Amino acid sequence: MRGFGDLEAAIMDAVWDAPGPVLVREVREGLNAARPIAYTTVQTVMEILHRKGWLTREKDGRAYRYRAASTREDYAAGLIDQVFAAGANRTATLVKLAEAMDPAEVAELRAALAAVKQGGGA
């Protein structure tokens, strides 16, 4: 799994943050606040994300409404899996990650691990 490019990440963030399915126009309007971007550019990248399986869509008149096919957490977990698959020492990588966490994040991690251990998921 490859990580998202800058525009793909910005579009996925907009889709993940939306309360429901979004039109290309709505995503573009949100992105336009940070930098001018053409409608067709956003439309093309959303179509690519759809073909890659990151977005689903349904017809709404002449346009499509898009929604995320996976969560941010699924995406982040996939990136971590990719690091592990690259031959990295899992234990050393996890230790480095834990060392970078603040105490509140460590507490959240402990709670999540306890939930998984008890079969409750995270």
Protein backbone atom coordinates (compact mmCIF):
# COMPACT_ATOMS: atom_id res chain seq x y z
CA MET A 1 0.00 0.00 0.00
CA ARG A 2 1.35 3.40 -0.98
CA GLY A 3 0.68 6.49 1.04
CA PHE A 4 -1.45 9.26 -0.38
CA GLY A 5 0.04 12.16 -2.31
CA ASP A 6 -0.58 15.68 -0.95
CA LEU A 7 -3.77 16.29 -2.93
CA GLU A 8 -5.08 12.76 -2.31
CA ALA A 9 -4.52 13.24 1.43
CA ALA A 10 -6.28 16.62 1.41
CA ILE A 11 -9.25 15.15 -0.45
CA MET A 12 -9.46 12.12 1.84
CA ASP A 13 -9.31 14.40 4.90
CA ALA A 14 -12.21 16.42 3.46
CA VAL A 15 -14.22 13.25 2.82
CA TRP A 16 -13.42 11.77 6.25
CA ASP A 17 -14.38 15.07 7.96
CA ALA A 18 -17.69 15.40 6.10
CA PRO A 19 -20.86 14.38 7.94
CA GLY A 20 -22.05 12.38 4.91
CA PRO A 21 -21.40 11.74 1.22
CA VAL A 22 -19.87 14.71 -0.61
CA LEU A 23 -19.93 16.16 -4.11
CA VAL A 24 -16.73 17.08 -5.93
CA ARG A 25 -17.88 20.71 -5.77
CA GLU A 26 -18.09 20.58 -1.96
CA VAL A 27 -14.61 19.11 -1.63
CA ARG A 28 -13.20 21.69 -4.05
CA GLU A 29 -14.79 24.55 -2.11
CA GLY A 30 -13.11 23.34 1.07
CA LEU A 31 -9.75 22.93 -0.63
CA ASN A 32 -10.05 26.31 -2.36
CA ALA A 33 -9.82 28.04 1.03
CA ALA A 34 -6.17 26.94 1.27
CA ARG A 35 -5.18 27.22 -2.39
CA PRO A 36 -6.92 27.75 -5.73
CA ILE A 37 -7.62 24.43 -7.42
CA ALA A 38 -9.57 23.51 -10.53
CA TYR A 39 -12.78 21.53 -10.29
CA THR A 40 -11.51 19.06 -12.91
CA THR A 41 -8.34 18.42 -10.89
CA VAL A 42 -10.35 17.50 -7.80
CA GLN A 43 -12.76 15.43 -9.92
CA THR A 44 -9.88 13.51 -11.53
CA VAL A 45 -8.18 12.75 -8.22
CA MET A 46 -11.47 11.65 -6.64
CA GLU A 47 -12.06 9.33 -9.61
CA ILE A 48 -8.56 7.89 -9.11
CA LEU A 49 -9.26 7.37 -5.39
CA HIS A 50 -12.51 5.65 -6.37
CA ARG A 51 -10.67 3.30 -8.76
CA LYS A 52 -8.09 2.56 -6.04
CA GLY A 53 -10.93 1.56 -3.70
CA TRP A 54 -10.57 4.41 -1.22
CA LEU A 55 -13.85 6.09 -2.18
CA THR A 56 -17.27 4.73 -3.00
CA ARG A 57 -19.79 6.75 -4.96
CA GLU A 58 -23.45 6.91 -5.81
CA LYS A 59 -25.17 8.85 -8.56
CA ASP A 60 -26.93 12.07 -7.51
CA GLY A 61 -28.50 13.61 -10.61
CA ARG A 62 -25.66 14.23 -13.04
CA ALA A 63 -22.99 14.13 -10.33
CA TYR A 64 -21.66 11.57 -7.89
CA ARG A 65 -21.66 11.69 -4.12
CA TYR A 66 -18.52 10.18 -2.63
CA ARG A 67 -17.83 8.63 0.75
CA ALA A 68 -14.76 6.98 2.24
CA ALA A 69 -14.57 3.21 1.83
CA SER A 70 -12.18 2.92 4.81
CA THR A 71 -11.46 4.95 7.93
CA ARG A 72 -8.44 7.07 8.72
CA GLU A 73 -7.48 4.43 11.23
CA ASP A 74 -7.59 1.70 8.56
CA TYR A 75 -5.32 3.85 6.39
CA ALA A 76 -2.83 4.51 9.21
CA ALA A 77 -2.79 0.84 10.20
CA GLY A 78 -2.07 -0.08 6.58
CA LEU A 79 0.92 2.26 6.54
CA ILE A 80 2.24 0.71 9.75
CA ASP A 81 1.78 -2.77 8.29
CA GLN A 82 3.77 -1.62 5.27
CA VAL A 83 6.65 -0.56 7.53
CA PHE A 84 6.61 -3.95 9.24
CA ALA A 85 6.45 -5.77 5.90
CA ALA A 86 9.52 -3.86 4.74
CA GLY A 87 11.56 -5.92 7.18
CA ALA A 88 11.74 -3.45 10.04
CA ASN A 89 12.30 -4.89 13.49
CA ARG A 90 8.77 -4.72 14.91
CA THR A 91 9.86 -4.52 18.53
CA ALA A 92 12.41 -1.77 17.90
CA THR A 93 9.91 0.17 15.81
CA LEU A 94 7.21 -0.12 18.48
CA VAL A 95 9.68 0.95 21.20
CA LYS A 96 10.61 4.07 19.19
CA LEU A 97 6.96 4.86 18.69
CA ALA A 98 6.21 4.46 22.40
CA GLU A 99 9.19 6.62 23.35
CA ALA A 100 7.78 9.45 21.22
CA MET A 101 4.39 9.32 22.95
CA ASP A 102 3.33 11.61 25.75
CA PRO A 103 1.93 10.04 28.96
CA ALA A 104 -1.70 10.50 27.87
CA GLU A 105 -1.03 8.68 24.58
CA VAL A 106 0.73 5.87 26.46
CA ALA A 107 -2.33 5.53 28.69
CA GLU A 108 -4.58 5.36 25.60
CA LEU A 109 -2.33 2.70 24.08
CA ARG A 110 -2.43 0.64 27.28
CA ALA A 111 -6.22 0.86 27.37
CA ALA A 112 -6.46 -0.17 23.71
CA LEU A 113 -4.12 -3.13 24.25
CA ALA A 114 -6.14 -4.22 27.29
CA ALA A 115 -9.36 -4.03 25.26
CA VAL A 116 -7.81 -6.15 22.49
CA LYS A 117 -6.52 -8.65 25.03
CA GLN A 118 -10.02 -8.96 26.48
CA GLY A 119 -11.47 -9.44 22.99
CA GLY A 120 -13.20 -6.07 22.88
CA GLY A 121 -11.20 -4.48 20.09
CA ALA A 122 -9.85 -0.93 20.18
